[in-house]
């Protein structure tokens, strides 16, 4: 699992880095976008990229593939505005 917190490189991370990580068989890749207050979760790596992309925000609860018993509330990741 790999998690990145970003401020300005969203397009690079979603395209170029995601492809690199998928080819390296990283099972799960999260991008936390502090500007738009969204999280992008990529799963199911393949040579051509990740097969699954989930975009979440607000009151969602996220679970890691490696530790499904652990729940992370989206609101805990970002401070209120």
Protein backbone atom coordinates (compact mmCIF):
# COMPACT_ATOMS: atom_id res chain seq x y z
CA UNK A 1 0.00 0.00 0.00
CA UNK A 2 1.17 3.48 -0.83
CA UNK A 3 -0.42 6.77 0.32
CA UNK A 4 0.48 10.20 -1.05
CA UNK A 5 -0.71 13.54 0.26
CA UNK A 6 -0.53 16.13 -2.46
CA UNK A 7 -1.14 19.77 -3.06
CA UNK A 8 -0.43 20.48 -6.71
CA UNK A 9 0.57 17.35 -8.64
CA UNK A 10 -2.78 15.57 -8.95
CA UNK A 11 -2.71 14.98 -12.71
CA UNK A 12 0.84 13.59 -12.61
CA UNK A 13 -0.01 11.33 -9.68
CA UNK A 14 -3.27 10.06 -11.20
CA UNK A 15 -1.69 9.24 -14.57
CA UNK A 16 2.06 8.75 -14.50
CA UNK A 17 2.66 7.62 -10.93
CA UNK A 18 -0.43 5.40 -10.82
CA UNK A 19 0.79 3.56 -13.91
CA UNK A 20 4.27 3.11 -12.41
CA UNK A 21 2.84 1.78 -9.14
CA UNK A 22 0.41 -0.54 -10.93
CA UNK A 23 3.24 -1.98 -13.01
CA UNK A 24 5.20 -2.48 -9.76
CA UNK A 25 2.20 -4.46 -8.48
CA UNK A 26 1.43 -2.10 -5.58
CA UNK A 27 -1.93 -3.56 -4.53
CA UNK A 28 -3.44 -0.30 -3.35
CA UNK A 29 -2.54 3.36 -3.96
CA UNK A 30 -4.25 6.26 -2.23
CA UNK A 31 -3.98 9.92 -3.18
CA UNK A 32 -5.19 12.46 -0.62
CA UNK A 33 -5.92 15.75 -2.39
CA UNK A 34 -5.87 18.54 0.19
CA UNK A 35 -7.09 21.17 -2.29
CA UNK A 36 -10.33 19.47 -3.37
CA UNK A 37 -10.65 17.50 -0.10
CA UNK A 38 -11.01 14.21 -1.93
CA UNK A 39 -9.30 10.86 -1.80
CA UNK A 40 -8.56 8.72 -4.84
CA UNK A 41 -8.17 5.01 -4.14
CA UNK A 42 -6.65 2.77 -6.79
CA UNK A 43 -6.82 -1.03 -6.59
CA UNK A 44 -6.32 -4.14 -8.71
CA UNK A 45 -3.01 -3.37 -10.45
CA UNK A 46 -2.39 -4.57 -13.99
CA UNK A 47 0.36 -3.86 -16.55
CA UNK A 48 -1.80 -1.15 -18.15
CA UNK A 49 -2.72 0.55 -14.87
CA UNK A 50 -5.14 0.09 -12.00
CA UNK A 51 -8.42 -1.64 -12.80
CA UNK A 52 -10.35 0.14 -10.03
CA UNK A 53 -10.51 3.83 -9.09
CA UNK A 54 -12.71 5.10 -6.28
CA UNK A 55 -13.11 8.82 -5.54
CA UNK A 56 -14.43 9.66 -2.10
CA UNK A 57 -15.18 12.75 -0.05
CA UNK A 58 -17.23 14.03 2.86
CA UNK A 59 -18.38 11.42 5.38
CA UNK A 60 -17.09 8.28 3.69
CA UNK A 61 -15.29 5.51 5.54
CA UNK A 62 -12.27 3.92 3.90
CA UNK A 63 -10.85 0.45 4.42
CA UNK A 64 -7.43 -0.77 3.40
CA UNK A 65 -7.13 -4.04 1.51
CA UNK A 66 -4.21 -5.11 3.69
CA UNK A 67 -6.06 -4.36 6.94
CA UNK A 68 -9.82 -4.56 6.24
CA UNK A 69 -10.66 -4.50 9.94
CA UNK A 70 -9.33 -0.94 10.21
CA UNK A 71 -11.74 1.81 9.17
CA UNK A 72 -10.58 5.35 8.50
CA UNK A 73 -13.16 8.09 8.56
CA UNK A 74 -12.64 10.61 5.78
CA UNK A 75 -13.34 13.45 8.23
CA UNK A 76 -10.32 12.33 10.30
CA UNK A 77 -7.97 12.91 7.36
CA UNK A 78 -8.87 16.54 6.72
CA UNK A 79 -9.33 19.35 9.20
CA UNK A 80 -12.67 21.19 9.05
CA UNK A 81 -12.67 24.37 6.95
